[in-house]
Amino acid sequence: MHMIRMALAATLGLVLAGPAAAQIGESPIRIVNPYPAGGVGDTAARMIADSIRTRLNRTVIVENKPGAAGRLGVQSVKDAPADGTVLLFTPMAPMALFPHVYDNLAYDPLRDFQPISQVGTFDLGVAVGASVPAGNLRELVDWLKANPAQATYGTPAAGSLPHFFAVLFARHAGVDLRHVAYKGNPQAITDLIGGHLPLHFTSTQDLVEAHKAGRIRVLATSGRERSTALPEVPTFTESGYAIRGEGWYGVYAPAKTPVKVVSQLNQAVVEAVRNPEFSKRLAPLGVRTTGTSAEEFVRIQKTDSELWGPVVKASGFKPE
């Protein structure tokens, strides 16, 4: 009877601990963000960490691991144990864009990772400074064609999603644009305000503050619908240019993570993303929350990779 009671107690302990303890490794869960702390992505990653901590009753740590445009942090998760204790929180570029940009990428986004869930999408925007006499996208295109010497645009980095979206826009608009790659947005927006840069492409949330202050004008955003952060600004499609370009954030685990663990992590992430507080905090920053199944996220990643591959090739861009 003593043995039976011990066996029943052990079984009850496992049940009370829940499937998380039984299926996910015992170490604290680390969520690797391959970019510096701060910003919209980092905010979302930490909110998800809080939700997983509560749902699974585990210690969850967000680790910022920047370097090589995000590639170092991504590779560190590729090489991590496939037991659910190390996750990747990343924007779209390292997983759907970089395979077309870098010839010797040290990871394969489709082979080396298991998608958990898309977290949300965000738009890109094009903004002009006060020195550009254009109130909408059509007027901007007319001005660029009439002033080819001024047809220069900035982005926060060469080989970034805004860079290739600008290439896509130039092709559709029939204009020749010269690219100026900045190291981030602050200097580019300063140059835009000061009249040293005619136009700038970047994520919409990075343009909101200066636009609302009247220091720059956002002429269009790139989503299917108008940006939650700038609902008064039309989309590129509404402006007569049938192009779209959305970025996204998502959560991944290393490849070969057990199916039960993937399911568990997906439930925890989706629960976080669909919490009204999550949307309330991120919508003003231009993020539309989603929270997809793992299977749907696989499809999204493949679709976007196929969409941007030809654009990258047509741009002729080669990283230094």
C-alpha atoms as a PDB file:
ATOM      1  CA  MET A   1       0.000   0.000   0.000  1.00  0.00           C
ATOM      2  CA  HIS A   2       2.891   2.322   0.795  1.00  0.00           C
ATOM      3  CA  MET A   3       4.301   1.736  -2.708  1.00  0.00           C
ATOM      4  CA  ILE A   4       0.908   2.354  -4.272  1.00  0.00           C
ATOM      5  CA  ARG A   5       0.484   5.615  -2.351  1.00  0.00           C
ATOM      6  CA  MET A   6       3.927   6.773  -3.497  1.00  0.00           C
ATOM      7  CA  ALA A   7       3.104   5.941  -7.115  1.00  0.00           C
ATOM      8  CA  LEU A   8      -0.210   7.808  -6.911  1.00  0.00           C
ATOM      9  CA  ALA A   9       1.497  10.820  -5.349  1.00  0.00           C
ATOM     10  CA  ALA A  10       4.089  10.902  -8.100  1.00  0.00           C
ATOM     11  CA  THR A  11       1.414  10.666 -10.769  1.00  0.00           C
ATOM     12  CA  LEU A  12      -0.606  13.441  -9.131  1.00  0.00           C
ATOM     13  CA  GLY A  13       2.509  15.597  -8.986  1.00  0.00           C
ATOM     14  CA  LEU A  14       3.007  15.254 -12.731  1.00  0.00           C
ATOM     15  CA  VAL A  15      -0.619  16.134 -13.400  1.00  0.00           C
ATOM     16  CA  LEU A  16      -0.472  19.195 -11.184  1.00  0.00           C
ATOM     17  CA  ALA A  17       2.800  20.297 -12.733  1.00  0.00           C
ATOM     18  CA  GLY A  18       1.055  20.203 -16.091  1.00  0.00           C
ATOM     19  CA  PRO A  19       2.326  19.189 -19.519  1.00  0.00           C
ATOM     20  CA  ALA A  20       4.809  22.088 -19.611  1.00  0.00           C
ATOM     21  CA  ALA A  21       7.025  20.572 -16.942  1.00  0.00           C
ATOM     22  CA  ALA A  22       6.768  17.146 -18.524  1.00  0.00           C
ATOM     23  CA  GLN A  23       7.531  18.217 -22.069  1.00  0.00           C
ATOM     24  CA  ILE A  24       9.782  21.304 -21.996  1.00  0.00           C
ATOM     25  CA  GLY A  25      13.352  21.129 -20.695  1.00  0.00           C
ATOM     26  CA  GLU A  26      13.888  22.209 -17.092  1.00  0.00           C
ATOM     27  CA  SER A  27      16.155  25.197 -17.791  1.00  0.00           C
ATOM     28  CA  PRO A  28      14.726  28.740 -17.829  1.00  0.00           C
ATOM     29  CA  ILE A  29      13.245  29.627 -21.211  1.00  0.00           C
ATOM     30  CA  ARG A  30      15.346  32.143 -23.159  1.00  0.00           C
ATOM     31  CA  ILE A  31      13.785  34.240 -25.910  1.00  0.00           C
ATOM     32  CA  VAL A  32      16.554  35.558 -28.146  1.00  0.00           C
ATOM     33  CA  ASN A  33      15.901  38.904 -29.836  1.00  0.00           C
ATOM     34  CA  PRO A  34      18.663  39.345 -32.457  1.00  0.00           C
ATOM     35  CA  TYR A  35      18.454  43.137 -32.269  1.00  0.00           C
ATOM     36  CA  PRO A  36      19.259  45.719 -29.578  1.00  0.00           C
ATOM     37  CA  ALA A  37      16.956  46.392 -26.640  1.00  0.00           C
ATOM     38  CA  GLY A  38      14.288  49.041 -27.109  1.00  0.00           C
ATOM     39  CA  GLY A  39      11.850  49.546 -29.939  1.00  0.00           C
ATOM     40  CA  VAL A  40       8.605  47.914 -30.929  1.00  0.00           C
ATOM     41  CA  GLY A  41       9.949  44.384 -31.423  1.00  0.00           C
ATOM     42  CA  ASP A  42      11.629  44.348 -28.041  1.00  0.00           C
ATOM     43  CA  THR A  43       8.419  45.527 -26.369  1.00  0.00           C
ATOM     44  CA  ALA A  44       6.451  42.706 -28.004  1.00  0.00           C
ATOM     45  CA  ALA A  45       9.065  40.090 -27.090  1.00  0.00           C
ATOM     46  CA  ARG A  46       8.954  41.076 -23.415  1.00  0.00           C
ATOM     47  CA  MET A  47       5.155  41.001 -23.320  1.00  0.00           C
ATOM     48  CA  ILE A  48       5.216  37.495 -24.766  1.00  0.00           C
ATOM     49  CA  ALA A  49       7.833  36.466 -22.226  1.00  0.00           C
ATOM     50  CA  ASP A  50       5.562  37.673 -19.402  1.00  0.00           C
ATOM     51  CA  SER A  51       2.653  35.640 -20.782  1.00  0.00           C
ATOM     52  CA  ILE A  52       4.695  32.442 -21.167  1.00  0.00           C
ATOM     53  CA  ARG A  53       6.058  32.956 -17.649  1.00  0.00           C
ATOM     54  CA  THR A  54       2.525  33.080 -16.274  1.00  0.00           C
ATOM     55  CA  ARG A  55       1.015  30.328 -18.401  1.00  0.00           C
ATOM     56  CA  LEU A  56       3.802  27.777 -17.987  1.00  0.00           C
ATOM     57  CA  ASN A  57       4.983  28.875 -14.526  1.00  0.00           C
ATOM     58  CA  ARG A  58       8.532  29.112 -15.764  1.00  0.00           C
ATOM     59  CA  THR A  59      11.364  31.602 -15.626  1.00  0.00           C
ATOM     60  CA  VAL A  60      11.476  33.343 -19.021  1.00  0.00           C
ATOM     61  CA  ILE A  61      14.320  35.673 -20.018  1.00  0.00           C
ATOM     62  CA  VAL A  62      14.562  37.941 -23.080  1.00  0.00           C
ATOM     63  CA  GLU A  63      18.139  38.048 -24.326  1.00  0.00           C
ATOM     64  CA  ASN A  64      19.108  40.744 -26.826  1.00  0.00           C
ATOM     65  CA  LYS A  65      21.847  39.381 -29.055  1.00  0.00           C
ATOM     66  CA  PRO A  66      22.506  41.889 -31.871  1.00  0.00           C
ATOM     67  CA  GLY A  67      25.156  41.638 -34.542  1.00  0.00           C
ATOM     68  CA  ALA A  68      25.541  41.122 -38.292  1.00  0.00           C
ATOM     69  CA  ALA A  69      22.106  42.643 -39.010  1.00  0.00           C
ATOM     70  CA  GLY A  70      20.474  40.051 -36.754  1.00  0.00           C
ATOM     71  CA  ARG A  71      22.210  36.996 -38.171  1.00  0.00           C
ATOM     72  CA  LEU A  72      24.289  36.242 -35.075  1.00  0.00           C
ATOM     73  CA  GLY A  73      21.296  35.950 -32.781  1.00  0.00           C
ATOM     74  CA  VAL A  74      19.395  33.825 -35.274  1.00  0.00           C
ATOM     75  CA  GLN A  75      22.313  31.428 -35.668  1.00  0.00           C
ATOM     76  CA  SER A  76      22.631  31.058 -31.893  1.00  0.00           C
ATOM     77  CA  VAL A  77      19.072  29.700 -31.739  1.00  0.00           C
ATOM     78  CA  LYS A  78      19.721  27.335 -34.646  1.00  0.00           C
ATOM     79  CA  ASP A  79      22.482  25.715 -32.576  1.00  0.00           C
ATOM     80  CA  ALA A  80      20.437  25.589 -29.329  1.00  0.00           C
ATOM     81  CA  PRO A  81      18.823  22.454 -27.837  1.00  0.00           C
ATOM     82  CA  ALA A  82      15.517  21.585 -29.532  1.00  0.00           C
ATOM     83  CA  ASP A  83      13.613  21.205 -26.258  1.00  0.00           C
ATOM     84  CA  GLY A  84      11.620  24.448 -26.050  1.00  0.00           C
ATOM     85  CA  THR A  85      14.022  26.231 -23.709  1.00  0.00           C
ATOM     86  CA  VAL A  86      15.506  28.559 -26.362  1.00  0.00           C
ATOM     87  CA  LEU A  87      13.243  30.516 -28.704  1.00  0.00           C
ATOM     88  CA  LEU A  88      13.788  33.188 -31.345  1.00  0.00           C
ATOM     89  CA  PHE A  89      11.739  36.377 -31.591  1.00  0.00           C
ATOM     90  CA  THR A  90      12.522  38.072 -34.890  1.00  0.00           C
ATOM     91  CA  PRO A  91      11.161  40.364 -37.574  1.00  0.00           C
ATOM     92  CA  MET A  92      10.672  39.038 -41.079  1.00  0.00           C
ATOM     93  CA  ALA A  93      13.994  39.959 -42.691  1.00  0.00           C
ATOM     94  CA  PRO A  94      16.294  37.251 -41.248  1.00  0.00           C
ATOM     95  CA  MET A  95      13.786  34.511 -42.086  1.00  0.00           C
ATOM     96  CA  ALA A  96      12.302  35.512 -45.463  1.00  0.00           C
ATOM     97  CA  LEU A  97      14.585  38.174 -46.942  1.00  0.00           C
ATOM     98  CA  PHE A  98      18.169  37.321 -46.008  1.00  0.00           C
ATOM     99  CA  PRO A  99      18.283  34.010 -47.931  1.00  0.00           C
ATOM    100  CA  HIS A 100      18.042  36.121 -51.100  1.00  0.00           C
ATOM    101  CA  VAL A 101      20.492  38.761 -49.878  1.00  0.00           C
ATOM    102  CA  TYR A 102      23.430  36.751 -48.494  1.00  0.00           C
ATOM    103  CA  ASP A 103      25.168  34.064 -50.538  1.00  0.00           C
ATOM    104  CA  ASN A 104      26.675  32.351 -47.499  1.00  0.00           C
ATOM    105  CA  LEU A 105      23.993  32.569 -44.843  1.00  0.00           C
ATOM    106  CA  ALA A 106      25.023  30.374 -41.909  1.00  0.00           C
ATOM    107  CA  TYR A 107      21.498  29.045 -41.413  1.00  0.00           C
ATOM    108  CA  ASP A 108      18.559  27.863 -43.503  1.00  0.00           C
ATOM    109  CA  PRO A 109      15.345  29.528 -42.275  1.00  0.00           C
ATOM    110  CA  LEU A 110      13.157  26.709 -43.583  1.00  0.00           C
ATOM    111  CA  ARG A 111      15.313  23.761 -42.573  1.00  0.00           C
ATOM    112  CA  ASP A 112      16.878  24.915 -39.297  1.00  0.00           C
ATOM    113  CA  PHE A 113      13.845  26.378 -37.506  1.00  0.00           C
ATOM    114  CA  GLN A 114      10.369  25.382 -36.400  1.00  0.00           C
ATOM    115  CA  PRO A 115       7.859  28.253 -36.673  1.00  0.00           C
ATOM    116  CA  ILE A 116       5.752  28.695 -33.527  1.00  0.00           C
ATOM    117  CA  SER A 117       3.481  31.659 -34.357  1.00  0.00           C
ATOM    118  CA  GLN A 118       3.387  34.936 -36.192  1.00  0.00           C
ATOM    119  CA  VAL A 119       2.897  37.692 -33.623  1.00  0.00           C
ATOM    120  CA  GLY A 120       1.897  40.687 -35.727  1.00  0.00           C
ATOM    121  CA  THR A 121       2.422  42.624 -38.928  1.00  0.00           C
ATOM    122  CA  PHE A 122       3.637  46.148 -39.547  1.00  0.00           C
ATOM    123  CA  ASP A 123       3.578  48.549 -42.491  1.00  0.00           C
ATOM    124  CA  LEU A 124       6.260  50.537 -44.224  1.00  0.00           C
ATOM    125  CA  GLY A 125       5.851  54.170 -45.128  1.00  0.00           C
ATOM    126  CA  VAL A 126       7.369  56.743 -47.454  1.00  0.00           C
ATOM    127  CA  ALA A 127       7.870  60.239 -46.088  1.00  0.00           C
ATOM    128  CA  VAL A 128       9.055  63.518 -47.575  1.00  0.00           C
ATOM    129  CA  GLY A 129      10.448  66.646 -45.993  1.00  0.00           C
ATOM    130  CA  ALA A 130       9.026  70.150 -46.178  1.00  0.00           C
ATOM    131  CA  SER A 131      11.224  70.985 -49.172  1.00  0.00           C
ATOM    132  CA  VAL A 132       9.424  68.473 -51.420  1.00  0.00           C
ATOM    133  CA  PRO A 133       6.263  70.039 -52.926  1.00  0.00           C
ATOM    134  CA  ALA A 134       4.172  66.866 -52.951  1.00  0.00           C
ATOM    135  CA  GLY A 135       1.011  66.268 -50.985  1.00  0.00           C
ATOM    136  CA  ASN A 136       0.361  62.761 -52.252  1.00  0.00           C
ATOM    137  CA  LEU A 137       2.110  59.887 -54.004  1.00  0.00           C
ATOM    138  CA  ARG A 138       1.111  60.894 -57.546  1.00  0.00           C
ATOM    139  CA  GLU A 139       2.488  64.372 -57.007  1.00  0.00           C
ATOM    140  CA  LEU A 140       5.690  62.864 -55.619  1.00  0.00           C
ATOM    141  CA  VAL A 141       6.184  60.702 -58.704  1.00  0.00           C
ATOM    142  CA  ASP A 142       5.553  63.693 -60.994  1.00  0.00           C
ATOM    143  CA  TRP A 143       8.069  65.745 -59.011  1.00  0.00           C
ATOM    144  CA  LEU A 144      10.708  62.981 -59.120  1.00  0.00           C
ATOM    145  CA  LYS A 145      10.332  62.659 -62.889  1.00  0.00           C
ATOM    146  CA  ALA A 146      10.621  66.423 -63.335  1.00  0.00           C
ATOM    147  CA  ASN A 147      13.608  66.638 -60.965  1.00  0.00           C
ATOM    148  CA  PRO A 148      15.723  63.501 -61.550  1.00  0.00           C
ATOM    149  CA  ALA A 149      18.708  65.055 -59.773  1.00  0.00           C
ATOM    150  CA  GLN A 150      16.605  65.047 -56.580  1.00  0.00           C
ATOM    151  CA  ALA A 151      15.492  61.429 -56.922  1.00  0.00           C
ATOM    152  CA  THR A 152      17.355  60.173 -53.857  1.00  0.00           C
ATOM    153  CA  TYR A 153      15.843  58.145 -51.058  1.00  0.00           C
ATOM    154  CA  GLY A 154      17.048  56.918 -47.686  1.00  0.00           C
ATOM    155  CA  THR A 155      16.447  53.703 -45.745  1.00  0.00           C
ATOM    156  CA  PRO A 156      17.634  52.587 -42.308  1.00  0.00           C
ATOM    157  CA  ALA A 157      19.982  49.987 -43.841  1.00  0.00           C
ATOM    158  CA  ALA A 158      21.112  48.513 -47.127  1.00  0.00           C
ATOM    159  CA  GLY A 159      19.556  45.120 -47.751  1.00  0.00           C
ATOM    160  CA  SER A 160      16.594  45.870 -45.478  1.00  0.00           C
ATOM    161  CA  LEU A 161      12.891  45.441 -46.231  1.00  0.00           C
ATOM    162  CA  PRO A 162      12.420  49.236 -46.714  1.00  0.00           C
ATOM    163  CA  HIS A 163      15.298  49.182 -49.230  1.00  0.00           C
ATOM    164  CA  PHE A 164      13.684  46.493 -51.351  1.00  0.00           C
ATOM    165  CA  PHE A 165      10.206  47.957 -51.006  1.00  0.00           C
ATOM    166  CA  ALA A 166      11.583  51.210 -52.417  1.00  0.00           C
ATOM    167  CA  VAL A 167      13.008  49.231 -55.354  1.00  0.00           C
ATOM    168  CA  LEU A 168       9.567  47.691 -55.901  1.00  0.00           C
ATOM    169  CA  PHE A 169       7.913  51.112 -55.801  1.00  0.00           C
ATOM    170  CA  ALA A 170      10.417  52.614 -58.257  1.00  0.00           C
ATOM    171  CA  ARG A 171       9.715  49.818 -60.744  1.00  0.00           C
ATOM    172  CA  HIS A 172       5.947  50.325 -60.516  1.00  0.00           C
ATOM    173  CA  ALA A 173       6.169  54.111 -60.652  1.00  0.00           C
ATOM    174  CA  GLY A 174       8.652  54.164 -63.532  1.00  0.00           C
ATOM    175  CA  VAL A 175      11.191  56.357 -61.763  1.00  0.00           C
ATOM    176  CA  ASP A 176      14.937  56.002 -61.234  1.00  0.00           C
ATOM    177  CA  LEU A 177      15.793  56.335 -57.553  1.00  0.00           C
ATOM    178  CA  ARG A 178      19.240  56.453 -55.967  1.00  0.00           C
ATOM    179  CA  HIS A 179      19.639  54.767 -52.615  1.00  0.00           C
ATOM    180  CA  VAL A 180      21.335  56.241 -49.553  1.00  0.00           C
ATOM    181  CA  ALA A 181      21.750  53.651 -46.790  1.00  0.00           C
ATOM    182  CA  TYR A 182      21.792  55.007 -43.245  1.00  0.00           C
ATOM    183  CA  LYS A 183      22.710  53.230 -40.033  1.00  0.00           C
ATOM    184  CA  GLY A 184      19.253  53.385 -38.536  1.00  0.00           C
ATOM    185  CA  ASN A 185      16.524  55.999 -38.754  1.00  0.00           C
ATOM    186  CA  PRO A 186      17.517  58.932 -36.495  1.00  0.00           C
ATOM    187  CA  GLN A 187      20.040  60.580 -38.826  1.00  0.00           C
ATOM    188  CA  ALA A 188      17.909  59.893 -41.897  1.00  0.00           C
ATOM    189  CA  ILE A 189      14.877  61.570 -40.351  1.00  0.00           C
ATOM    190  CA  THR A 190      17.049  64.490 -39.226  1.00  0.00           C
ATOM    191  CA  ASP A 191      18.253  64.874 -42.821  1.00  0.00           C
ATOM    192  CA  LEU A 192      14.681  64.581 -44.079  1.00  0.00           C
ATOM    193  CA  ILE A 193      13.532  67.352 -41.753  1.00  0.00           C
ATOM    194  CA  GLY A 194      16.539  69.484 -42.671  1.00  0.00           C
ATOM    195  CA  GLY A 195      15.939  69.185 -46.414  1.00  0.00           C
ATOM    196  CA  HIS A 196      19.112  67.188 -47.077  1.00  0.00           C
ATOM    197  CA  LEU A 197      17.171  64.029 -48.027  1.00  0.00           C
ATOM    198  CA  PRO A 198      14.085  64.249 -50.279  1.00  0.00           C
ATOM    199  CA  LEU A 199      12.358  61.033 -49.221  1.00  0.00           C
ATOM    200  CA  HIS A 200      12.772  58.169 -46.793  1.00  0.00           C
ATOM    201  CA  PHE A 201      11.348  54.626 -46.653  1.00  0.00           C
ATOM    202  CA  THR A 202      11.119  52.847 -43.308  1.00  0.00           C
ATOM    203  CA  SER A 203       8.647  51.185 -40.955  1.00  0.00           C
ATOM    204  CA  THR A 204       5.626  53.377 -40.363  1.00  0.00           C
ATOM    205  CA  GLN A 205       6.064  53.459 -36.601  1.00  0.00           C
ATOM    206  CA  ASP A 206       9.440  55.177 -37.021  1.00  0.00           C
ATOM    207  CA  LEU A 207       7.802  58.042 -38.916  1.00  0.00           C
ATOM    208  CA  VAL A 208       4.771  58.648 -36.733  1.00  0.00           C
ATOM    209  CA  GLU A 209       6.224  61.134 -34.241  1.00  0.00           C
ATOM    210  CA  ALA A 210       7.784  63.482 -36.813  1.00  0.00           C
ATOM    211  CA  HIS A 211       4.699  63.238 -39.059  1.00  0.00           C
ATOM    212  CA  LYS A 212       2.299  64.156 -36.252  1.00  0.00           C
ATOM    213  CA  ALA A 213       4.573  67.039 -35.278  1.00  0.00           C
ATOM    214  CA  GLY A 214       4.299  68.376 -38.851  1.00  0.00           C
ATOM    215  CA  ARG A 215       8.036  68.097 -39.481  1.00  0.00           C
ATOM    216  CA  ILE A 216       7.686  65.500 -42.276  1.00  0.00           C
ATOM    217  CA  ARG A 217       4.776  64.161 -44.328  1.00  0.00           C
ATOM    218  CA  VAL A 218       4.030  60.448 -44.686  1.00  0.00           C
ATOM    219  CA  LEU A 219       2.424  60.105 -48.121  1.00  0.00           C
ATOM    220  CA  ALA A 220       1.531  56.407 -48.169  1.00  0.00           C
ATOM    221  CA  THR A 221       1.794  53.198 -46.178  1.00  0.00           C
ATOM    222  CA  SER A 222       2.332  49.711 -47.537  1.00  0.00           C
ATOM    223  CA  GLY A 223      -0.247  47.459 -45.894  1.00  0.00           C
ATOM    224  CA  ARG A 224      -3.463  45.908 -47.141  1.00  0.00           C
ATOM    225  CA  GLU A 225      -5.282  48.414 -44.951  1.00  0.00           C
ATOM    226  CA  ARG A 226      -4.356  51.821 -43.603  1.00  0.00           C
ATOM    227  CA  SER A 227      -1.924  51.887 -40.714  1.00  0.00           C
ATOM    228  CA  THR A 228      -3.404  51.770 -37.228  1.00  0.00           C
ATOM    229  CA  ALA A 229      -0.849  54.418 -36.287  1.00  0.00           C
ATOM    230  CA  LEU A 230      -1.682  56.783 -39.200  1.00  0.00           C
ATOM    231  CA  PRO A 231      -5.250  56.017 -40.306  1.00  0.00           C
ATOM    232  CA  GLU A 232      -5.484  59.313 -42.208  1.00  0.00           C
ATOM    233  CA  VAL A 233      -2.684  58.285 -44.607  1.00  0.00           C
ATOM    234  CA  PRO A 234      -3.705  56.244 -47.711  1.00  0.00           C
ATOM    235  CA  THR A 235      -2.061  52.990 -48.732  1.00  0.00           C
ATOM    236  CA  PHE A 236       0.084  52.675 -51.861  1.00  0.00           C
ATOM    237  CA  THR A 237      -2.779  50.758 -53.502  1.00  0.00           C
ATOM    238  CA  GLU A 238      -5.273  53.489 -52.681  1.00  0.00           C
ATOM    239  CA  SER A 239      -2.805  55.970 -54.153  1.00  0.00           C
ATOM    240  CA  GLY A 240      -2.788  54.173 -57.510  1.00  0.00           C
ATOM    241  CA  TYR A 241       0.225  51.849 -57.091  1.00  0.00           C
ATOM    242  CA  ALA A 242      -0.831  48.229 -56.637  1.00  0.00           C
ATOM    243  CA  ILE A 243       2.010  47.131 -54.395  1.00  0.00           C
ATOM    244  CA  ARG A 244       2.072  45.888 -50.838  1.00  0.00           C
ATOM    245  CA  GLY A 245       4.858  45.194 -48.397  1.00  0.00           C
ATOM    246  CA  GLU A 246       4.258  44.136 -44.825  1.00  0.00           C
ATOM    247  CA  GLY A 247       6.852  43.139 -42.310  1.00  0.00           C
ATOM    248  CA  TRP A 248       6.087  40.863 -39.398  1.00  0.00           C
ATOM    249  CA  TYR A 249       7.332  39.573 -36.086  1.00  0.00           C
ATOM    250  CA  GLY A 250       7.297  35.903 -35.189  1.00  0.00           C
ATOM    251  CA  VAL A 251       8.476  33.279 -32.714  1.00  0.00           C
ATOM    252  CA  TYR A 252      10.567  30.256 -33.697  1.00  0.00           C
ATOM    253  CA  ALA A 253      12.158  27.240 -32.032  1.00  0.00           C
ATOM    254  CA  PRO A 254      15.083  25.169 -33.326  1.00  0.00           C
ATOM    255  CA  ALA A 255      14.220  22.489 -35.871  1.00  0.00           C
ATOM    256  CA  LYS A 256      13.216  19.076 -34.492  1.00  0.00           C
ATOM    257  CA  THR A 257      11.518  20.567 -31.452  1.00  0.00           C
ATOM    258  CA  PRO A 258       8.898  17.939 -30.434  1.00  0.00           C
ATOM    259  CA  VAL A 259       5.390  18.445 -31.787  1.00  0.00           C
ATOM    260  CA  LYS A 260       3.850  18.558 -28.291  1.00  0.00           C
ATOM    261  CA  VAL A 261       6.268  21.275 -27.220  1.00  0.00           C
ATOM    262  CA  VAL A 262       5.534  23.290 -30.384  1.00  0.00           C
ATOM    263  CA  SER A 263       1.806  23.018 -29.667  1.00  0.00           C
ATOM    264  CA  GLN A 264       2.304  24.124 -26.085  1.00  0.00           C
ATOM    265  CA  LEU A 265       4.434  27.095 -27.026  1.00  0.00           C
ATOM    266  CA  ASN A 266       2.003  28.099 -29.769  1.00  0.00           C
ATOM    267  CA  GLN A 267      -0.859  28.160 -27.274  1.00  0.00           C
ATOM    268  CA  ALA A 268       1.159  30.318 -24.879  1.00  0.00           C
ATOM    269  CA  VAL A 269       2.197  32.800 -27.600  1.00  0.00           C
ATOM    270  CA  VAL A 270      -1.282  33.028 -29.135  1.00  0.00           C
ATOM    271  CA  GLU A 271      -2.797  33.604 -25.705  1.00  0.00           C
ATOM    272  CA  ALA A 272      -0.391  36.504 -25.197  1.00  0.00           C
ATOM    273  CA  VAL A 273      -0.975  38.032 -28.610  1.00  0.00           C
ATOM    274  CA  ARG A 274      -4.763  37.832 -28.425  1.00  0.00           C
ATOM    275  CA  ASN A 275      -4.909  39.471 -25.021  1.00  0.00           C
ATOM    276  CA  PRO A 276      -6.587  42.887 -25.574  1.00  0.00           C
ATOM    277  CA  GLU A 277      -3.783  44.590 -23.624  1.00  0.00           C
ATOM    278  CA  PHE A 278      -1.241  43.349 -26.176  1.00  0.00           C
ATOM    279  CA  SER A 279      -3.100  44.971 -29.067  1.00  0.00           C
ATOM    280  CA  LYS A 280      -3.794  48.094 -27.020  1.00  0.00           C
ATOM    281  CA  ARG A 281      -0.086  48.672 -26.464  1.00  0.00           C
ATOM    282  CA  LEU A 282       1.121  47.788 -29.960  1.00  0.00           C
ATOM    283  CA  ALA A 283      -1.609  49.258 -32.217  1.00  0.00           C
ATOM    284  CA  PRO A 284      -0.470  52.889 -31.642  1.00  0.00           C
ATOM    285  CA  LEU A 285       3.000  51.733 -32.721  1.00  0.00           C
ATOM    286  CA  GLY A 286       1.690  50.446 -36.042  1.00  0.00           C
ATOM    287  CA  VAL A 287       1.548  46.719 -35.270  1.00  0.00           C
ATOM    288  CA  ARG A 288      -1.515  44.617 -36.119  1.00  0.00           C
ATOM    289  CA  THR A 289      -1.509  41.596 -33.841  1.00  0.00           C
ATOM    290  CA  THR A 290      -2.235  38.195 -35.358  1.00  0.00           C
ATOM    291  CA  GLY A 291      -1.331  35.032 -33.402  1.00  0.00           C
ATOM    292  CA  THR A 292      -1.351  32.269 -36.019  1.00  0.00           C
ATOM    293  CA  SER A 293      -1.031  28.512 -35.884  1.00  0.00           C
ATOM    294  CA  ALA A 294       2.408  27.061 -36.523  1.00  0.00           C
ATOM    295  CA  GLU A 295       1.182  25.685 -39.852  1.00  0.00           C
ATOM    296  CA  GLU A 296      -0.146  29.051 -41.011  1.00  0.00           C
ATOM    297  CA  PHE A 297       3.120  30.714 -40.041  1.00  0.00           C
ATOM    298  CA  VAL A 298       5.035  28.226 -42.227  1.00  0.00           C
ATOM    299  CA  ARG A 299       2.874  29.252 -45.186  1.00  0.00           C
ATOM    300  CA  ILE A 300       3.338  32.978 -44.500  1.00  0.00           C
ATOM    301  CA  GLN A 301       7.109  32.643 -44.339  1.00  0.00           C
ATOM    302  CA  LYS A 302       7.295  30.703 -47.614  1.00  0.00           C
ATOM    303  CA  THR A 303       4.946  33.122 -49.386  1.00  0.00           C
ATOM    304  CA  ASP A 304       6.939  36.179 -48.356  1.00  0.00           C
ATOM    305  CA  SER A 305      10.233  34.540 -49.278  1.00  0.00           C
ATOM    306  CA  GLU A 306       8.882  33.828 -52.765  1.00  0.00           C
ATOM    307  CA  LEU A 307       7.508  37.382 -53.025  1.00  0.00           C
ATOM    308  CA  TRP A 308      10.748  39.166 -52.192  1.00  0.00           C
ATOM    309  CA  GLY A 309      13.237  36.875 -53.938  1.00  0.00           C
ATOM    310  CA  PRO A 310      12.673  38.352 -57.419  1.00  0.00           C
ATOM    311  CA  VAL A 311      12.709  41.918 -56.035  1.00  0.00           C
ATOM    312  CA  VAL A 312      16.082  41.369 -54.366  1.00  0.00           C
ATOM    313  CA  LYS A 313      17.475  39.848 -57.561  1.00  0.00           C
ATOM    314  CA  ALA A 314      16.161  42.711 -59.706  1.00  0.00           C
ATOM    315  CA  SER A 315      17.749  45.260 -57.389  1.00  0.00           C
ATOM    316  CA  GLY A 316      21.228  43.888 -58.072  1.00  0.00           C
ATOM    317  CA  PHE A 317      22.109  44.482 -54.440  1.00  0.00           C
ATOM    318  CA  LYS A 318      25.112  42.658 -53.009  1.00  0.00           C
ATOM    319  CA  PRO A 319      26.117  43.129 -49.357  1.00  0.00           C
ATOM    320  CA  GLU A 320      29.640  44.276 -48.636  1.00  0.00           C
END
